[in-house]
Amino acid sequence: MAPVDLLATYWFCIAILLRIGIVIIFISSIDDIIIDVRYWLWRLFQHRNWRRDAHFPEYADELYQDPQQLIAIMIPAWQEAPVIQRMADYAARTFDYENYHIFVGTYPNDPDTQREVDKVVAKYPNVHKVVTRDPGPTTKADCLNNIIAFITAMEAAEDIHFSCLAYHDAEDIIHPLELRAFNRLVPSFDLVQIPVMPLARSWTNAIGNHYIDEFSEWHGKDMLVRQLLTGQIPSAGVGTAFSRRAIELLEKINGGVVFDVGSLTEDYEIGFRLHQVGAREMLLHYQVQFKDKPPAWFGRKGVHPMLCVQEYFPNHTWQAVRQKSRWIVGIVFQGWKNLGWSGAPLMKYMLMRDRKSVIAFPAVLMGYFIVVTVMFNWIHLQMNPRWWRFPELIPQESWFFVLVKINFFFMCNRLLHRFIFTSRYFGYWQGLQALPRILVGNIVNICAFFRAFFQVRNSNKTGRAVTWDKTSHDFPDLHPGE
């Protein structure tokens, strides 16, 4: 075959792929527009009350009048020696709540983490070290199950009862008001989730900062719409509180254990499992404000004006890819297998949104590949105008060209929403940076998807479960007295 024939065949394949990609992106964008429209309709009808939750007081002062339930905070820790002492110590010193205990799950073969936890236990009588039965690494779910067994034994031994159980990761910065919020909402709700807001790094750290763009929109819009449409909220794995009824329901669902040790994202599935058996769930969006004189922590460094969980996310490409591939394996592939397509039509729609990366990320990669191809063809023609010219990929009179224009509008809409929500929680400077960081996020997500795909494929071939990838963590230098 002559080189010209090869080029013609190649260009023909590009034209076909382009049409497939245009249709996929159009369908995916329609899905995103539905969520956008539902959010702004809610904002329109809420008027000035959109920042308030119907189940929560306008001013935080009222929370201080509630009797304090006994709350347990569970923190699984495998190889977290660099951060666990600072995190647990910071939490114990900054909670604006008295009636709570912190339980840190460690492993028998991780003496470094145990040693750091022991330092905090020696300072605070309400911080407890739990050592799991099996050596690590196991899964987060297994560590949490060991912590719950320890809590149950402690309740029997000391004749106490924890009305609410919450969990966090070893890198989390916990808001001082969090437990008062959980105290108000549990057990009226069986699962309460507060937003996760990543900590911003230097503007040069695009990998770490692209998380703030995604979480601003996920937790600032998408999950809120999910709650409005279905009443169901997936746990984010941190900043989640459970009623004891929820714990009992999960034990029944999972055959005697609370958390499913076979899933890499058991926190995601929990929300579905509980919703299926009638549990009440909510996402709390609350901008903290006081009517009278605020506490000393209000406005302090490290305390977000919104009640949320803060943490640093991975700042290196491979770490980010590993973390996101674990999310994709758990949410897309294991979620598809474990949860199926059960529930009402709107719930099926949400499941579709969670799993559309199966076609959306390959379509985005296809789009980038085509853009690069067309760009090189244009550069070549500028350098050599006599070079053989290819036919138009999309004739302007075709309906595909109309879809291209619509997709361009959709792209502008995505950029606008990313700017709006990143600016809302992190300021206009971060909002502007969020626009070019969409490319960074897409590249990480595409790599993570294909890594997850091959992990699942190899698991199906070999029969060995997909292993859990440990993510290294950072904890900022914060001093509660500042």
Protein backbone atom coordinates (compact mmCIF):
# COMPACT_ATOMS: atom_id res chain seq x y z
CA MET A 1 0.00 0.00 0.00
CA ALA A 2 1.37 3.40 -0.97
CA PRO A 3 2.07 6.01 1.75
CA VAL A 4 -0.73 8.18 0.40
CA ASP A 5 -3.16 5.28 0.77
CA LEU A 6 -2.01 4.72 4.34
CA LEU A 7 -2.56 8.38 5.12
CA ALA A 8 -6.00 8.30 3.53
CA THR A 9 -6.96 5.21 5.57
CA TYR A 10 -5.63 6.85 8.72
CA TRP A 11 -7.63 10.02 8.02
CA PHE A 12 -10.76 7.96 7.37
CA CYS A 13 -10.36 6.24 10.78
CA ILE A 14 -9.88 9.62 12.43
CA ALA A 15 -13.14 10.83 10.85
CA ILE A 16 -15.02 7.82 12.23
CA LEU A 17 -13.52 8.18 15.72
CA LEU A 18 -14.31 11.87 15.71
CA ARG A 19 -17.99 11.20 15.02
CA ILE A 20 -18.15 8.60 17.78
CA GLY A 21 -16.46 10.97 20.21
CA ILE A 22 -18.78 13.86 19.32
CA VAL A 23 -21.86 11.75 20.08
CA ILE A 24 -20.47 10.39 23.37
CA ILE A 25 -19.40 13.83 24.57
CA PHE A 26 -22.79 15.25 23.59
CA ILE A 27 -24.67 12.60 25.62
CA SER A 28 -22.34 13.00 28.60
CA SER A 29 -22.72 16.78 28.45
CA ILE A 30 -26.52 16.51 28.41
CA ASP A 31 -26.21 14.51 31.63
CA ASP A 32 -24.07 17.26 33.19
CA ILE A 33 -26.48 19.96 32.05
CA ILE A 34 -29.36 18.17 33.79
CA ILE A 35 -27.48 18.36 37.10
CA ASP A 36 -26.58 22.02 36.51
CA VAL A 37 -30.17 23.01 35.72
CA ARG A 38 -31.54 21.16 38.76
CA TYR A 39 -29.04 22.90 41.00
CA TRP A 40 -29.81 26.39 39.73
CA LEU A 41 -33.56 25.78 39.92
CA TRP A 42 -33.08 24.84 43.55
CA ARG A 43 -31.03 27.99 44.11
CA LEU A 44 -33.71 30.09 42.37
CA PHE A 45 -36.54 28.82 44.52
CA GLN A 46 -34.49 28.87 47.72
CA HIS A 47 -33.66 32.54 47.16
CA ARG A 48 -31.69 33.77 50.17
CA ASN A 49 -32.06 30.53 52.10
CA TRP A 50 -29.87 28.41 49.82
CA ARG A 51 -26.98 28.55 52.30
CA ARG A 52 -29.15 27.15 55.08
CA ASP A 53 -30.22 23.58 55.69
CA ALA A 54 -33.80 22.98 56.78
CA HIS A 55 -32.60 20.62 59.53
CA PHE A 56 -29.91 22.91 60.90
CA PRO A 57 -30.03 26.26 62.73
CA GLU A 58 -29.04 29.47 61.01
CA TYR A 59 -26.63 30.37 63.78
CA ALA A 60 -24.22 27.92 65.36
CA ASP A 61 -24.95 29.35 68.82
CA GLU A 62 -27.99 27.06 69.06
CA LEU A 63 -25.81 23.97 68.79
CA TYR A 64 -24.28 24.76 72.17
CA GLN A 65 -27.66 24.26 73.85
CA ASP A 66 -27.97 20.60 72.77
CA PRO A 67 -27.23 17.85 75.32
CA GLN A 68 -24.02 16.13 74.26
CA GLN A 69 -24.30 12.53 73.10
CA LEU A 70 -21.28 10.27 73.45
CA ILE A 71 -19.55 10.18 70.05
CA ALA A 72 -16.80 7.88 68.78
CA ILE A 73 -14.35 8.97 66.08
CA MET A 74 -12.65 6.08 64.26
CA ILE A 75 -9.32 6.58 62.46
CA PRO A 76 -7.75 3.65 60.57
CA ALA A 77 -3.97 4.01 60.34
CA TRP A 78 -1.60 1.80 58.37
CA GLN A 79 1.95 3.17 58.03
CA GLU A 80 0.79 6.62 59.09
CA ALA A 81 3.66 7.38 61.50
CA PRO A 82 4.55 10.69 59.78
CA VAL A 83 1.07 12.19 60.29
CA ILE A 84 -1.02 10.29 62.85
CA GLN A 85 0.38 11.91 65.99
CA ARG A 86 -0.09 15.44 64.68
CA MET A 87 -3.56 14.67 63.35
CA ALA A 88 -4.85 12.99 66.52
CA ASP A 89 -3.24 15.62 68.74
CA TYR A 90 -4.70 18.46 66.66
CA ALA A 91 -8.17 16.91 66.75
CA ALA A 92 -8.07 16.26 70.51
CA ARG A 93 -7.07 19.87 71.18
CA THR A 94 -9.44 21.61 68.80
CA PHE A 95 -12.81 19.84 69.02
CA ASP A 96 -15.38 22.26 70.42
CA TYR A 97 -17.10 19.33 72.12
CA GLU A 98 -16.42 17.40 75.32
CA ASN A 99 -18.22 14.05 75.23
CA TYR A 100 -16.23 12.09 72.66
CA HIS A 101 -13.51 9.46 72.26
CA ILE A 102 -11.02 8.91 69.46
CA PHE A 103 -10.09 5.36 68.44
CA VAL A 104 -7.03 4.90 66.23
CA GLY A 105 -6.75 1.53 64.52
CA THR A 106 -3.15 0.30 64.16
CA TYR A 107 -1.56 -2.96 63.04
CA PRO A 108 0.62 -5.42 64.99
CA ASN A 109 3.33 -5.22 62.31
CA ASP A 110 3.40 -1.41 62.24
CA PRO A 111 5.32 -0.42 65.40
CA ASP A 112 6.19 3.05 64.09
CA THR A 113 2.54 4.10 63.85
CA GLN A 114 1.77 2.47 67.21
CA ARG A 115 4.61 4.41 68.84
CA GLU A 116 3.27 7.72 67.52
CA VAL A 117 -0.27 6.91 68.66
CA ASP A 118 1.01 5.97 72.12
CA LYS A 119 2.36 9.51 72.51
CA VAL A 120 -1.11 10.96 71.98
CA VAL A 121 -2.78 8.34 74.18
CA ALA A 122 -0.43 9.30 77.01
CA LYS A 123 -1.62 12.94 76.76
CA TYR A 124 -5.37 12.44 76.33
CA PRO A 125 -7.46 9.88 78.26
CA ASN A 126 -10.16 9.92 75.57
CA VAL A 127 -7.78 8.76 72.81
CA HIS A 128 -7.41 4.99 72.47
CA LYS A 129 -5.10 2.78 70.46
CA VAL A 130 -6.66 -0.26 68.78
CA VAL A 131 -4.45 -3.05 67.43
CA THR A 132 -6.06 -5.16 64.73
CA ARG A 133 -6.20 -8.93 64.88
CA ASP A 134 -4.45 -9.48 61.54
CA PRO A 135 -1.20 -7.89 60.38
CA GLY A 136 -1.37 -5.22 57.74
CA PRO A 137 -1.93 -4.16 55.17
CA THR A 138 -5.54 -5.26 55.14
CA THR A 139 -8.29 -2.89 54.01
CA LYS A 140 -9.73 0.22 55.56
CA ALA A 141 -12.96 -1.72 56.10
CA ASP A 142 -11.15 -4.45 58.05
CA CYS A 143 -9.43 -1.90 60.28
CA LEU A 144 -12.74 -0.14 60.97
CA ASN A 145 -14.37 -3.47 61.87
CA ASN A 146 -11.63 -4.06 64.43
CA ILE A 147 -12.20 -0.60 65.88
CA ILE A 148 -15.95 -1.22 66.19
CA ALA A 149 -15.28 -4.51 67.99
CA PHE A 150 -13.04 -2.59 70.43
CA ILE A 151 -15.73 0.05 70.95
CA THR A 152 -18.38 -2.61 71.62
CA ALA A 153 -16.14 -4.29 74.19
CA MET A 154 -15.42 -0.93 75.84
CA GLU A 155 -19.15 -0.17 76.06
CA ALA A 156 -19.80 -3.48 77.81
CA ALA A 157 -16.87 -3.09 80.17
CA GLU A 158 -17.56 0.53 81.19
CA ASP A 159 -21.39 0.49 80.85
CA ILE A 160 -21.44 3.36 78.34
CA HIS A 161 -23.09 3.81 74.96
CA PHE A 162 -21.86 5.66 71.89
CA SER A 163 -24.90 7.12 70.11
CA CYS A 164 -22.91 8.18 67.07
CA LEU A 165 -19.88 6.74 65.29
CA ALA A 166 -17.90 8.84 62.82
CA TYR A 167 -14.77 8.13 60.84
CA HIS A 168 -11.83 10.02 59.44
CA ASP A 169 -8.49 9.38 57.78
CA ALA A 170 -5.12 10.02 59.34
CA GLU A 171 -4.48 13.12 57.21
CA ASP A 172 -7.76 14.92 57.95
CA ILE A 173 -8.08 18.36 59.48
CA ILE A 174 -11.32 18.09 61.42
CA HIS A 175 -13.49 21.16 61.87
CA PRO A 176 -13.95 22.20 65.53
CA LEU A 177 -17.74 22.35 65.07
CA GLU A 178 -18.09 18.95 63.42
CA LEU A 179 -19.14 16.95 66.47
CA ARG A 180 -21.74 19.52 67.51
CA ALA A 181 -23.24 19.18 64.02
CA PHE A 182 -23.27 15.38 64.27
CA ASN A 183 -24.75 15.67 67.74
CA ARG A 184 -27.63 17.75 66.36
CA LEU A 185 -28.38 15.54 63.33
CA VAL A 186 -27.81 11.99 64.61
CA PRO A 187 -29.91 9.87 65.24
CA SER A 188 -32.57 11.83 63.32
CA PHE A 189 -30.43 10.91 60.31
CA ASP A 190 -28.65 7.59 60.05
CA LEU A 191 -25.86 8.85 57.82
CA VAL A 192 -24.58 12.43 57.81
CA GLN A 193 -21.85 13.54 55.41
CA ILE A 194 -20.07 16.87 55.50
CA PRO A 195 -18.23 18.18 52.43
CA VAL A 196 -14.57 17.43 51.75
CA MET A 197 -12.51 20.45 50.74
CA PRO A 198 -8.88 19.71 49.76
CA LEU A 199 -6.19 22.01 51.05
CA ALA A 200 -4.75 24.29 48.37
CA ARG A 201 -1.05 24.08 47.61
CA SER A 202 1.22 26.53 45.79
CA TRP A 203 -0.11 27.55 42.38
CA THR A 204 2.69 25.54 40.72
CA ASN A 205 1.32 22.28 42.15
CA ALA A 206 -1.35 21.61 39.53
CA ILE A 207 -1.65 17.89 40.34
CA GLY A 208 -2.49 18.47 43.99
CA ASN A 209 -4.65 21.50 43.30
CA HIS A 210 -6.84 19.92 40.62
CA TYR A 211 -8.55 18.07 43.47
CA ILE A 212 -9.90 21.34 44.89
CA ASP A 213 -11.58 22.08 41.56
CA GLU A 214 -13.23 18.67 41.36
CA PHE A 215 -14.34 18.50 45.00
CA SER A 216 -15.68 22.04 44.91
CA GLU A 217 -18.08 21.01 42.17
CA TRP A 218 -18.75 17.46 43.42
CA HIS A 219 -19.55 18.43 46.99
CA GLY A 220 -20.78 21.92 46.23
CA LYS A 221 -23.27 20.91 43.53
CA ASP A 222 -23.39 17.30 42.32
CA MET A 223 -23.89 15.56 45.68
CA LEU A 224 -26.40 18.18 46.75
CA VAL A 225 -28.46 17.53 43.60
CA ARG A 226 -28.12 13.79 44.24
CA GLN A 227 -29.68 14.33 47.66
CA LEU A 228 -32.49 16.44 46.21
CA LEU A 229 -33.35 13.84 43.56
CA THR A 230 -32.93 10.58 45.48
CA GLY A 231 -32.41 11.27 49.19
CA GLN A 232 -29.26 9.14 48.96
CA ILE A 233 -25.73 10.26 49.78
CA PRO A 234 -22.60 8.11 49.36
CA SER A 235 -20.11 8.37 52.20
CA ALA A 236 -16.91 10.15 51.21
CA GLY A 237 -14.85 7.90 53.50
CA VAL A 238 -14.14 10.83 55.81
CA GLY A 239 -16.39 13.25 57.66
CA THR A 240 -19.19 10.69 57.86
CA ALA A 241 -21.31 10.03 60.94
CA PHE A 242 -23.50 6.97 61.54
CA SER A 243 -26.30 6.36 63.98
CA ARG A 244 -26.20 3.09 65.92
CA ARG A 245 -29.22 2.03 63.90
CA ALA A 246 -27.12 2.42 60.75
CA ILE A 247 -24.35 0.30 62.29
CA GLU A 248 -26.86 -2.43 63.15
CA LEU A 249 -28.35 -2.32 59.65
CA LEU A 250 -24.93 -2.66 58.07
CA GLU A 251 -24.15 -5.67 60.30
CA LYS A 252 -27.29 -7.38 59.03
CA ILE A 253 -26.54 -6.50 55.42
CA ASN A 254 -22.91 -7.68 55.56
CA GLY A 255 -23.46 -10.87 57.53
CA GLY A 256 -22.26 -9.79 60.94
CA VAL A 257 -19.57 -7.24 60.04
CA VAL A 258 -20.25 -3.55 59.59
CA PHE A 259 -17.97 -2.80 56.64
CA ASP A 260 -17.50 -4.97 53.56
CA VAL A 261 -13.84 -6.00 53.48
CA GLY A 262 -14.09 -7.10 49.84
CA SER A 263 -14.55 -3.60 48.39
CA LEU A 264 -11.84 -0.99 47.76
CA THR A 265 -14.44 1.78 48.22
CA GLU A 266 -16.73 0.34 50.87
CA ASP A 267 -17.62 3.89 51.93
CA TYR A 268 -19.22 4.54 48.53
CA GLU A 269 -21.42 1.43 48.74
CA ILE A 270 -22.51 2.12 52.32
CA GLY A 271 -24.79 4.96 51.26
CA PHE A 272 -26.59 2.71 48.76
CA ARG A 273 -26.92 -0.20 51.18
CA LEU A 274 -28.43 1.97 53.89
CA HIS A 275 -30.71 3.79 51.48
CA GLN A 276 -32.09 0.47 50.24
CA VAL A 277 -33.22 -0.48 53.75
CA GLY A 278 -34.86 2.86 54.51
CA ALA A 279 -32.12 4.75 56.35
CA ARG A 280 -32.21 8.56 56.29
CA GLU A 281 -29.15 10.27 54.83
CA MET A 282 -28.08 13.85 54.34
CA LEU A 283 -25.26 16.04 53.11
CA LEU A 284 -24.78 19.02 55.41
CA HIS A 285 -23.81 22.29 53.73
CA TYR A 286 -23.32 24.91 56.40
CA GLN A 287 -21.50 28.23 56.30
CA VAL A 288 -20.54 28.74 59.94
CA GLN A 289 -21.83 31.94 61.52
CA PHE A 290 -22.51 33.08 65.07
CA LYS A 291 -25.11 35.54 66.28
CA ASP A 292 -23.25 36.36 69.49
CA LYS A 293 -19.54 36.41 70.25
CA PRO A 294 -17.91 33.48 68.38
CA PRO A 295 -15.52 30.99 70.00
CA ALA A 296 -11.79 31.57 69.88
CA TRP A 297 -11.31 29.10 67.02
CA PHE A 298 -13.64 30.99 64.66
CA GLY A 299 -11.61 32.55 61.83
CA ARG A 300 -8.38 30.91 62.99
CA LYS A 301 -5.78 29.62 60.53
CA GLY A 302 -6.69 26.17 59.28
CA VAL A 303 -10.44 26.48 60.04
CA HIS A 304 -12.54 26.71 56.88
CA PRO A 305 -15.52 29.12 57.04
CA MET A 306 -17.69 26.21 55.89
CA LEU A 307 -18.17 23.16 58.08
CA CYS A 308 -16.09 20.61 56.16
CA VAL A 309 -13.16 18.21 56.24
CA GLN A 310 -9.84 19.46 54.88
CA GLU A 311 -6.82 17.47 53.80
CA TYR A 312 -3.93 17.43 51.37
CA PHE A 313 -4.40 15.23 48.35
CA PRO A 314 -1.56 13.61 46.36
CA ASN A 315 0.71 16.08 44.62
CA HIS A 316 2.57 13.70 42.31
CA THR A 317 1.18 12.28 39.10
CA TRP A 318 1.67 8.59 39.88
CA GLN A 319 0.24 8.93 43.40
CA ALA A 320 -2.82 10.72 42.03
CA VAL A 321 -3.28 8.08 39.33
CA ARG A 322 -3.02 5.27 41.88
CA GLN A 323 -5.54 6.91 44.20
CA LYS A 324 -8.05 7.64 41.46
CA SER A 325 -7.67 4.20 39.90
CA ARG A 326 -8.65 2.74 43.30
CA TRP A 327 -11.75 4.96 43.30
CA ILE A 328 -12.63 3.86 39.77
CA VAL A 329 -12.14 0.15 40.55
CA GLY A 330 -14.40 0.46 43.59
CA ILE A 331 -17.08 2.82 42.28
CA VAL A 332 -17.30 1.77 38.63
CA PHE A 333 -16.30 -1.89 38.42
CA GLN A 334 -16.92 -3.28 41.90
CA GLY A 335 -19.95 -1.02 42.35
CA TRP A 336 -21.38 -2.30 39.07
CA LYS A 337 -20.87 -5.89 40.23
CA ASN A 338 -22.03 -5.47 43.83
CA LEU A 339 -24.87 -2.98 43.43
CA GLY A 340 -26.09 -3.73 39.92
CA TRP A 341 -28.76 -1.34 38.66
CA SER A 342 -31.18 -1.55 41.57
CA GLY A 343 -33.43 1.20 42.83
CA ALA A 344 -35.88 3.70 41.41
CA PRO A 345 -35.28 5.31 37.98
CA LEU A 346 -33.56 8.35 39.50
CA MET A 347 -31.25 6.06 41.49
CA LYS A 348 -30.40 4.17 38.30
CA TYR A 349 -29.63 7.52 36.72
CA MET A 350 -27.19 8.33 39.53
CA LEU A 351 -25.55 4.93 39.14
CA MET A 352 -25.17 5.68 35.44
CA ARG A 353 -23.48 8.98 36.26
CA ASP A 354 -21.08 7.21 38.61
CA ARG A 355 -20.16 4.69 35.92
CA LYS A 356 -20.16 6.76 32.75
CA SER A 357 -16.37 7.07 32.93
CA VAL A 358 -16.33 3.69 31.15
CA ILE A 359 -17.09 5.57 27.93
CA ALA A 360 -16.48 9.22 28.90
CA PHE A 361 -12.75 8.99 29.64
CA PRO A 362 -11.91 7.01 26.47
CA ALA A 363 -13.97 9.55 24.50
CA VAL A 364 -11.98 12.44 26.02
CA LEU A 365 -8.72 10.66 25.20
CA MET A 366 -9.99 10.13 21.67
CA GLY A 367 -10.79 13.83 21.42
CA TYR A 368 -7.30 14.87 22.54
CA PHE A 369 -5.74 12.44 20.06
CA ILE A 370 -7.81 13.88 17.20
CA VAL A 371 -6.99 17.47 18.19
CA VAL A 372 -3.26 16.66 18.14
CA THR A 373 -3.63 14.95 14.75
CA VAL A 374 -5.45 17.92 13.21
CA MET A 375 -2.93 20.33 14.72
CA PHE A 376 0.02 18.46 13.22
CA ASN A 377 -1.75 18.33 9.86
CA TRP A 378 -2.29 22.11 9.97
CA ILE A 379 1.35 22.76 10.92
CA HIS A 380 2.50 20.53 8.09
CA LEU A 381 0.34 22.43 5.60
CA GLN A 382 1.75 25.74 6.84
CA MET A 383 5.25 24.46 6.28
CA ASN A 384 4.48 22.79 2.94
CA PRO A 385 1.34 24.21 1.24
CA ARG A 386 1.75 21.75 -1.61
CA TRP A 387 1.26 18.78 0.72
CA TRP A 388 -1.72 16.57 -0.07
CA ARG A 389 -4.84 18.02 1.54
CA PHE A 390 -7.24 15.75 3.41
CA PRO A 391 -11.01 16.05 3.10
CA GLU A 392 -12.84 17.95 5.83
CA LEU A 393 -13.32 15.80 8.91
CA ILE A 394 -16.74 17.31 9.58
CA PRO A 395 -18.43 19.07 6.63
CA GLN A 396 -20.03 22.31 7.76
CA GLU A 397 -23.40 21.40 6.26
CA SER A 398 -23.65 18.14 8.25
CA TRP A 399 -25.59 17.68 11.49
CA PHE A 400 -22.34 16.54 13.12
CA PHE A 401 -21.08 20.08 12.71
CA VAL A 402 -24.14 21.29 14.62
CA LEU A 403 -23.22 18.86 17.42
CA VAL A 404 -19.70 20.28 17.42
CA LYS A 405 -21.11 23.76 18.06
CA ILE A 406 -23.39 22.45 20.81
CA ASN A 407 -20.47 20.59 22.41
CA PHE A 408 -18.45 23.80 22.34
CA PHE A 409 -21.25 25.51 24.26
CA PHE A 410 -21.27 22.62 26.73
CA MET A 411 -17.51 22.95 27.18
CA CYS A 412 -17.89 26.66 27.96
CA ASN A 413 -20.60 25.77 30.46
CA ARG A 414 -18.27 23.29 32.19
CA LEU A 415 -15.52 25.90 32.39
CA LEU A 416 -17.98 28.43 33.83
CA HIS A 417 -19.25 26.03 36.50
CA ARG A 418 -15.74 24.95 37.43
CA PHE A 419 -14.80 28.62 37.88
CA ILE A 420 -17.94 29.43 39.89
CA PHE A 421 -17.60 26.59 42.40
CA THR A 422 -13.84 26.73 42.82
CA SER A 423 -14.08 30.50 43.36
CA ARG A 424 -16.88 30.07 45.90
CA TYR A 425 -14.79 27.95 48.25
CA PHE A 426 -11.22 28.95 47.40
CA GLY A 427 -11.34 32.45 45.91
CA TYR A 428 -11.16 33.95 42.42
CA TRP A 429 -7.44 33.28 41.95
CA GLN A 430 -8.00 29.54 42.39
CA GLY A 431 -11.10 29.80 40.22
CA LEU A 432 -9.04 31.19 37.34
CA GLN A 433 -6.39 28.51 37.81
CA ALA A 434 -9.11 25.86 37.74
CA LEU A 435 -9.70 26.48 34.01
CA PRO A 436 -6.33 25.20 32.71
CA ARG A 437 -6.28 22.58 35.48
CA ILE A 438 -9.25 20.86 33.83
CA LEU A 439 -6.73 19.51 31.32
CA VAL A 440 -4.53 18.25 34.16
CA GLY A 441 -7.48 16.55 35.84
CA ASN A 442 -8.58 14.93 32.59
CA ILE A 443 -5.12 13.49 31.95
CA VAL A 444 -4.93 12.06 35.50
CA ASN A 445 -8.44 10.65 35.20
CA ILE A 446 -7.76 9.04 31.82
CA CYS A 447 -4.58 7.38 33.12
CA ALA A 448 -6.40 6.25 36.25
CA PHE A 449 -9.25 4.76 34.23
CA PHE A 450 -7.01 2.64 32.04
CA ARG A 451 -4.96 1.52 35.04
CA ALA A 452 -8.18 0.51 36.80
CA PHE A 453 -9.43 -1.25 33.67
CA PHE A 454 -6.29 -3.37 33.35
CA GLN A 455 -6.26 -4.08 37.10
CA VAL A 456 -9.80 -5.47 36.89
CA ARG A 457 -9.04 -7.39 33.71
CA ASN A 458 -5.98 -9.03 35.28
CA SER A 459 -7.98 -9.78 38.41
CA ASN A 460 -10.64 -11.54 36.35
CA LYS A 461 -7.98 -13.58 34.54
CA THR A 462 -5.97 -14.61 37.60
CA GLY A 463 -8.75 -14.79 40.18
CA ARG A 464 -6.74 -12.60 42.56
CA ALA A 465 -8.47 -9.57 44.05
CA VAL A 466 -7.33 -6.09 43.09
CA THR A 467 -4.91 -4.97 45.78
CA TRP A 468 -5.40 -1.83 47.83
CA ASP A 469 -2.97 0.97 46.93
CA LYS A 470 -1.58 2.83 49.92
CA THR A 471 -1.57 6.62 49.48
CA SER A 472 1.14 8.61 51.22
CA HIS A 473 -0.22 11.51 53.27
CA ASP A 474 0.83 14.99 54.39
CA PHE A 475 -0.43 16.92 57.38
CA PRO A 476 0.01 20.71 57.53
CA ASP A 477 1.78 22.49 60.36
CA LEU A 478 -1.09 23.98 62.32
CA HIS A 479 -1.10 25.35 65.82
CA PRO A 480 -4.57 25.62 67.39
CA GLY A 481 -3.55 28.57 69.50
CA GLU A 482 -2.84 30.77 66.51
